Amino acid sequence: MSELGPVVSVLVSIKGQRSKKARINKEDLDNLLWGGCTSRWFLGCRGDNVLVHTPDERIVPVCALIMKTPKGKRVVLKDGDPLNLTRDNLILVEANAANG
C-alpha cells in the first residue's frame, strides 16, 4: 500500500506486439503521461526494454523514467520480465554492476 491507499497496476499496450502488454503502477503511468511522454510504447530491438518517446524527442526506457535514474545508476528488473514495470519490481544499482 502507498500513503494514499492500495497500489493499482494497469496494462499498457506495446506497439507492434498484439499479445504483449506492460504492467505499470497507475500512479507512475499518470506521472509519465502528465510529464508529456507518449502512450505509444515499444520494445527495444533486443526485446529487453520497454521504450517511450519523451517530450524532448529522446527514446528512453520506461523503467528509467519511473525510477528517475540518476547518473551512474541503472535499473534492474527483479524478475527479469521487461514487461513488469511495477515499482516493486524495479531496483537501482550501480551502472557498472554486473547484470542480474
Foldseek 3Di string as FASTA:
>chain_A
DDPVDDFDKDWADEPPPVPDTAIETPVLVVVQVVQPKDSHWHADPVRQFIWTQGPVGDIDGSLCVSVVDDPQKDWAFQVSHNRYSYPVRIDIDGPPDDHD
